[in-house]
N, C-alpha and C. Protein backbone atom coordinates (compact mmCIF):
# COMPACT_ATOMS: atom_id res chain seq x y z
N MET A 1 47.71 33.43 -79.53
CA MET A 1 47.25 32.56 -78.63
C MET A 1 46.66 31.06 -79.10
N GLU A 2 47.33 30.41 -78.61
CA GLU A 2 47.27 28.57 -78.99
C GLU A 2 45.63 28.43 -78.83
N ASP A 3 45.31 27.33 -79.33
CA ASP A 3 44.15 26.45 -79.32
C ASP A 3 44.45 25.49 -78.52
N TYR A 4 44.02 25.42 -77.00
CA TYR A 4 44.26 24.59 -76.10
C TYR A 4 43.85 23.57 -76.23
N TYR A 5 42.68 23.28 -77.06
CA TYR A 5 42.23 22.04 -77.19
C TYR A 5 43.30 21.24 -78.34
N ALA A 6 43.71 21.76 -79.14
CA ALA A 6 44.52 21.60 -80.26
C ALA A 6 45.84 21.00 -79.35
N VAL A 7 46.60 21.98 -78.54
CA VAL A 7 47.80 21.56 -77.53
C VAL A 7 47.60 20.49 -76.83
N LEU A 8 46.37 20.08 -76.23
CA LEU A 8 46.44 18.93 -75.79
C LEU A 8 46.09 17.50 -76.39
N GLY A 9 45.36 18.16 -77.61
CA GLY A 9 44.97 16.88 -78.73
C GLY A 9 43.61 16.32 -78.47
N VAL A 10 42.87 17.20 -77.75
CA VAL A 10 41.53 16.64 -77.50
C VAL A 10 40.04 17.50 -78.26
N ALA A 11 39.36 17.17 -78.39
CA ALA A 11 38.15 17.73 -78.63
C ALA A 11 37.29 18.89 -77.84
N ARG A 12 36.75 19.65 -78.49
CA ARG A 12 36.32 20.83 -77.67
C ARG A 12 35.20 20.40 -76.75
N HIS A 13 34.58 19.13 -77.13
CA HIS A 13 33.51 18.58 -75.99
C HIS A 13 34.26 17.45 -75.15
N ALA A 14 35.66 17.59 -75.10
CA ALA A 14 36.37 16.56 -74.34
C ALA A 14 35.75 16.41 -72.97
N SER A 15 35.92 15.25 -71.99
CA SER A 15 35.52 15.44 -70.69
C SER A 15 36.66 15.75 -70.02
N LEU A 16 36.47 16.13 -68.59
CA LEU A 16 37.60 16.59 -67.74
C LEU A 16 38.59 14.99 -67.39
N LYS A 17 38.02 14.01 -67.51
CA LYS A 17 38.76 12.91 -67.50
C LYS A 17 39.82 12.67 -68.81
N GLU A 18 39.28 12.91 -70.40
CA GLU A 18 39.92 13.03 -71.26
C GLU A 18 40.94 13.99 -71.29
N ILE A 19 40.65 15.14 -70.72
CA ILE A 19 41.83 16.29 -70.81
C ILE A 19 42.81 15.82 -69.87
N LYS A 20 42.47 15.32 -68.82
CA LYS A 20 43.64 14.96 -67.70
C LYS A 20 44.39 13.65 -68.24
N GLN A 21 43.49 12.94 -69.01
CA GLN A 21 44.62 11.73 -69.79
C GLN A 21 45.76 12.45 -70.61
N ALA A 22 45.22 13.15 -71.24
CA ALA A 22 46.18 14.01 -72.30
C ALA A 22 46.86 14.73 -71.97
N TYR A 23 46.67 15.60 -70.83
CA TYR A 23 47.73 16.26 -70.25
C TYR A 23 49.00 15.29 -69.51
N ARG A 24 48.34 14.17 -68.84
CA ARG A 24 49.61 13.33 -68.17
C ARG A 24 50.36 12.70 -69.21
N ARG A 25 49.69 12.28 -70.23
CA ARG A 25 50.50 11.69 -71.47
C ARG A 25 51.65 12.89 -72.02
N LEU A 26 51.22 14.00 -72.36
CA LEU A 26 52.28 15.00 -72.77
C LEU A 26 53.08 15.33 -71.66
N ALA A 27 52.64 15.31 -70.60
CA ALA A 27 53.71 16.06 -69.47
C ALA A 27 54.77 14.90 -69.49
N ARG A 28 54.38 13.84 -69.35
CA ARG A 28 55.60 12.65 -69.50
C ARG A 28 56.61 12.88 -70.75
N LYS A 29 55.83 12.97 -71.86
CA LYS A 29 56.79 13.06 -73.04
C LYS A 29 57.40 14.24 -73.12
N TYR A 30 56.96 15.39 -72.69
CA TYR A 30 57.85 16.57 -72.50
C TYR A 30 58.20 17.13 -71.48
N HIS A 31 58.36 16.40 -70.53
CA HIS A 31 58.95 16.47 -68.93
C HIS A 31 60.45 17.29 -69.08
N PRO A 32 60.71 18.19 -68.37
CA PRO A 32 62.33 18.55 -68.34
C PRO A 32 63.10 17.61 -67.98
N ASP A 33 62.85 16.42 -67.17
CA ASP A 33 63.88 15.48 -66.82
C ASP A 33 63.90 14.59 -67.87
N VAL A 34 63.06 14.41 -68.70
CA VAL A 34 63.12 13.75 -70.02
C VAL A 34 63.74 14.31 -71.01
N ASN A 35 63.79 15.67 -71.25
CA ASN A 35 64.21 16.29 -72.24
C ASN A 35 65.28 17.48 -71.92
N ARG A 36 66.33 16.96 -71.26
CA ARG A 36 67.25 18.08 -70.66
C ARG A 36 67.98 18.74 -71.84
N ASN A 37 68.08 19.92 -71.66
CA ASN A 37 68.94 20.77 -72.77
C ASN A 37 68.14 20.79 -74.02
N ASN A 38 66.91 20.72 -73.78
CA ASN A 38 65.63 20.88 -75.09
C ASN A 38 64.94 21.98 -74.84
N PRO A 39 65.28 23.25 -75.32
CA PRO A 39 64.48 24.48 -75.35
C PRO A 39 63.12 24.35 -75.76
N GLU A 40 63.29 23.49 -76.73
CA GLU A 40 61.62 23.56 -77.42
C GLU A 40 60.98 22.75 -76.33
N ALA A 41 61.15 21.67 -75.55
CA ALA A 41 60.49 20.96 -75.05
C ALA A 41 60.04 21.50 -73.52
N GLU A 42 60.94 22.46 -73.25
CA GLU A 42 60.90 23.55 -72.44
C GLU A 42 59.48 24.18 -72.52
N GLU A 43 59.49 24.96 -73.73
CA GLU A 43 58.28 25.79 -74.16
C GLU A 43 56.87 25.03 -74.34
N LYS A 44 57.38 23.69 -74.82
CA LYS A 44 56.26 22.92 -74.81
C LYS A 44 55.28 22.44 -73.52
N ILE A 45 56.17 22.24 -72.79
CA ILE A 45 55.55 21.98 -71.47
C ILE A 45 54.70 23.03 -70.73
N LYS A 46 55.44 24.24 -70.94
CA LYS A 46 54.73 25.57 -70.54
C LYS A 46 53.44 25.59 -71.09
N LEU A 47 53.33 25.71 -72.49
CA LEU A 47 52.42 25.45 -72.99
C LEU A 47 50.91 24.53 -72.67
N ILE A 48 51.47 23.42 -72.58
CA ILE A 48 50.96 21.92 -72.00
C ILE A 48 50.14 22.41 -70.63
N ASN A 49 51.08 23.07 -69.99
CA ASN A 49 50.81 23.35 -68.30
C ASN A 49 49.60 24.66 -68.32
N GLN A 50 49.90 25.49 -69.32
CA GLN A 50 48.96 26.70 -69.65
C GLN A 50 47.42 25.95 -70.06
N ALA A 51 47.49 25.03 -70.86
CA ALA A 51 46.34 24.22 -71.45
C ALA A 51 45.62 23.75 -70.42
N TYR A 52 46.22 22.88 -69.70
CA TYR A 52 45.56 22.01 -68.74
C TYR A 52 44.90 22.94 -67.41
N ASP A 53 45.64 23.99 -67.28
CA ASP A 53 45.12 25.02 -66.31
C ASP A 53 43.94 25.24 -66.29
N THR A 54 43.49 26.00 -67.82
CA THR A 54 42.56 26.51 -68.11
C THR A 54 41.51 25.69 -68.61
N LEU A 55 41.94 24.55 -69.42
CA LEU A 55 40.67 23.48 -69.67
C LEU A 55 40.15 22.67 -68.59
N SER A 56 41.13 22.52 -67.60
CA SER A 56 40.57 21.60 -66.30
C SER A 56 39.91 22.28 -65.19
N ASP A 57 39.68 23.50 -65.34
CA ASP A 57 38.78 24.62 -64.64
C ASP A 57 37.59 24.76 -65.08
N PRO A 58 36.49 24.48 -64.64
CA PRO A 58 35.32 24.65 -65.35
C PRO A 58 35.04 26.25 -65.63
N GLY A 59 35.30 27.07 -64.90
CA GLY A 59 34.85 28.52 -64.99
C GLY A 59 36.26 29.10 -65.81
N LYS A 60 37.36 28.87 -65.55
CA LYS A 60 38.06 29.25 -66.97
C LYS A 60 38.07 28.41 -68.34
N ARG A 61 37.44 27.50 -68.21
CA ARG A 61 37.14 26.66 -69.47
C ARG A 61 35.88 27.77 -70.06
N ALA A 62 35.02 27.76 -69.39
CA ALA A 62 33.89 28.39 -70.06
C ALA A 62 34.27 29.90 -70.62
N LYS A 63 35.27 30.59 -69.66
CA LYS A 63 35.54 31.80 -70.52
C LYS A 63 36.53 31.66 -71.74
N TYR A 64 37.31 30.68 -71.78
CA TYR A 64 38.05 30.40 -72.97
C TYR A 64 37.37 30.02 -73.74
N ASP A 65 35.93 29.10 -73.74
CA ASP A 65 35.33 28.75 -74.65
C ASP A 65 34.49 30.09 -75.49
N ALA A 66 34.22 31.00 -74.37
CA ALA A 66 33.55 32.41 -74.78
C ALA A 66 34.26 33.01 -75.67
N HIS A 67 35.31 33.31 -74.87
CA HIS A 67 36.33 34.57 -75.70
C HIS A 67 37.86 34.10 -76.02
N GLY A 68 38.11 32.74 -75.77
CA GLY A 68 39.45 32.58 -76.00
C GLY A 68 39.99 32.55 -77.51
N PHE A 69 40.31 31.27 -77.86
CA PHE A 69 40.80 30.89 -79.08
C PHE A 69 39.95 31.37 -80.51
N VAL A 70 40.64 32.22 -81.12
CA VAL A 70 39.37 32.85 -82.37
C VAL A 70 40.57 32.48 -83.71
N PRO A 71 40.45 31.07 -84.35
CA PRO A 71 41.35 30.78 -85.36
C PRO A 71 41.19 31.91 -86.67
N ILE A 72 42.54 32.39 -87.03
CA ILE A 72 42.30 33.10 -88.29
C ILE A 72 42.61 32.12 -89.67
N SER A 73 41.86 32.56 -90.52
CA SER A 73 41.82 31.86 -91.71
C SER A 73 43.03 31.92 -92.52
N PRO A 74 43.55 30.90 -93.19
CA PRO A 74 44.89 31.02 -94.00
C PRO A 74 44.64 32.25 -95.11
N THR A 75 43.63 32.55 -95.22
CA THR A 75 43.48 33.63 -96.38
C THR A 75 43.43 35.37 -95.80
N SER A 76 43.31 35.31 -94.39
CA SER A 76 43.35 36.59 -93.93
C SER A 76 44.63 36.98 -93.74
N PRO A 77 44.65 38.30 -93.56
CA PRO A 77 46.11 38.71 -93.13
C PRO A 77 46.22 38.26 -91.47
N ALA A 78 47.46 38.21 -91.44
CA ALA A 78 47.93 37.86 -89.77
C ALA A 78 47.49 38.73 -88.89
N ASP A 79 47.44 40.08 -89.01
CA ASP A 79 46.83 40.82 -88.36
C ASP A 79 45.32 41.15 -88.18
N ALA A 80 44.77 40.52 -88.69
CA ALA A 80 43.14 40.77 -89.01
C ALA A 80 42.49 40.24 -87.40
N GLN A 81 41.48 41.31 -87.15
CA GLN A 81 40.90 40.77 -85.95
C GLN A 81 39.63 40.25 -86.15
N PRO A 82 39.13 39.62 -85.14
CA PRO A 82 37.69 38.82 -85.35
C PRO A 82 36.80 39.78 -85.52
N ASP A 83 35.78 39.69 -86.32
CA ASP A 83 34.52 40.64 -86.41
C ASP A 83 33.74 40.35 -85.51
N ASP A 84 33.62 41.12 -84.36
CA ASP A 84 32.45 41.16 -83.25
C ASP A 84 31.20 42.02 -83.78
N GLY A 85 31.07 42.54 -84.93
CA GLY A 85 29.77 42.95 -85.35
C GLY A 85 29.79 44.40 -85.12
N ASN A 86 30.71 44.84 -84.15
CA ASN A 86 30.64 46.11 -83.85
C ASN A 86 31.46 47.08 -84.61
N ASP A 87 30.75 47.84 -85.43
CA ASP A 87 31.18 48.72 -86.49
C ASP A 87 31.52 50.21 -85.92
N PHE A 88 31.38 50.47 -84.73
CA PHE A 88 31.48 51.83 -84.22
C PHE A 88 32.64 52.50 -84.27
N ASP A 89 32.88 53.57 -84.84
CA ASP A 89 33.84 54.32 -85.06
C ASP A 89 33.62 55.66 -84.46
N PRO A 90 34.39 56.36 -83.27
CA PRO A 90 34.03 57.15 -82.68
C PRO A 90 34.49 58.59 -83.38
N GLY A 91 35.06 58.82 -84.20
CA GLY A 91 35.43 59.82 -85.19
C GLY A 91 33.96 59.92 -86.15
N LEU A 92 33.78 58.91 -86.71
CA LEU A 92 32.31 59.06 -87.55
C LEU A 92 31.16 59.35 -86.77
N GLU A 93 31.14 58.74 -85.72
CA GLU A 93 30.22 59.19 -84.91
C GLU A 93 29.77 60.56 -84.40
N PHE A 94 31.01 61.11 -84.29
CA PHE A 94 31.31 62.58 -83.93
C PHE A 94 30.92 63.29 -84.96
N MET A 95 31.07 63.03 -86.20
CA MET A 95 30.89 63.79 -87.43
C MET A 95 29.42 63.62 -87.57
N ARG A 96 28.92 62.46 -87.26
CA ARG A 96 27.40 62.29 -87.60
C ARG A 96 26.59 63.23 -86.76
N LEU A 97 26.99 63.52 -85.29
CA LEU A 97 26.32 64.18 -84.31
C LEU A 97 26.65 65.65 -84.88
N CYS A 98 27.84 66.09 -85.33
CA CYS A 98 27.81 67.18 -85.52
C CYS A 98 26.99 67.79 -86.83
N MET A 99 26.86 66.98 -87.97
CA MET A 99 25.89 67.12 -88.85
C MET A 99 24.43 67.21 -88.56
N MET A 100 23.91 66.44 -87.29
CA MET A 100 22.69 66.67 -87.01
C MET A 100 22.64 67.95 -86.28
N TRP A 101 23.42 68.28 -85.67
CA TRP A 101 23.36 69.70 -84.83
C TRP A 101 23.32 70.64 -85.72
N MET A 102 24.09 70.63 -86.78
CA MET A 102 24.24 71.75 -87.60
C MET A 102 22.76 71.81 -88.54
N ASN A 103 22.39 70.54 -88.91
CA ASN A 103 21.23 70.73 -89.74
C ASN A 103 20.03 70.72 -88.82
N ARG A 104 20.03 71.12 -87.67
CA ARG A 104 18.63 71.41 -86.76
C ARG A 104 17.80 72.51 -86.94
């Protein structure tokens, strides 16, 4: 998932007006009528539209800010998952319960 703030080139605390201005500027730059036969521009405008759709809606933006983009540091593996502090392992929990039951 892309960082929608970076896609639009705005700060995380940007106002709706700033988001709209950035969207319009980028939409003109990457519009299909301006970039005919350019598949890169086509993909870019789709991403710009997704970013604007999310960040321009207060409810979607709040959800995105809470759960959306999680940057991966350059030193971590590409398949690393963000640490949510939940180290629960069902297999280990089952074994722990079995051991408790056996030792009662």
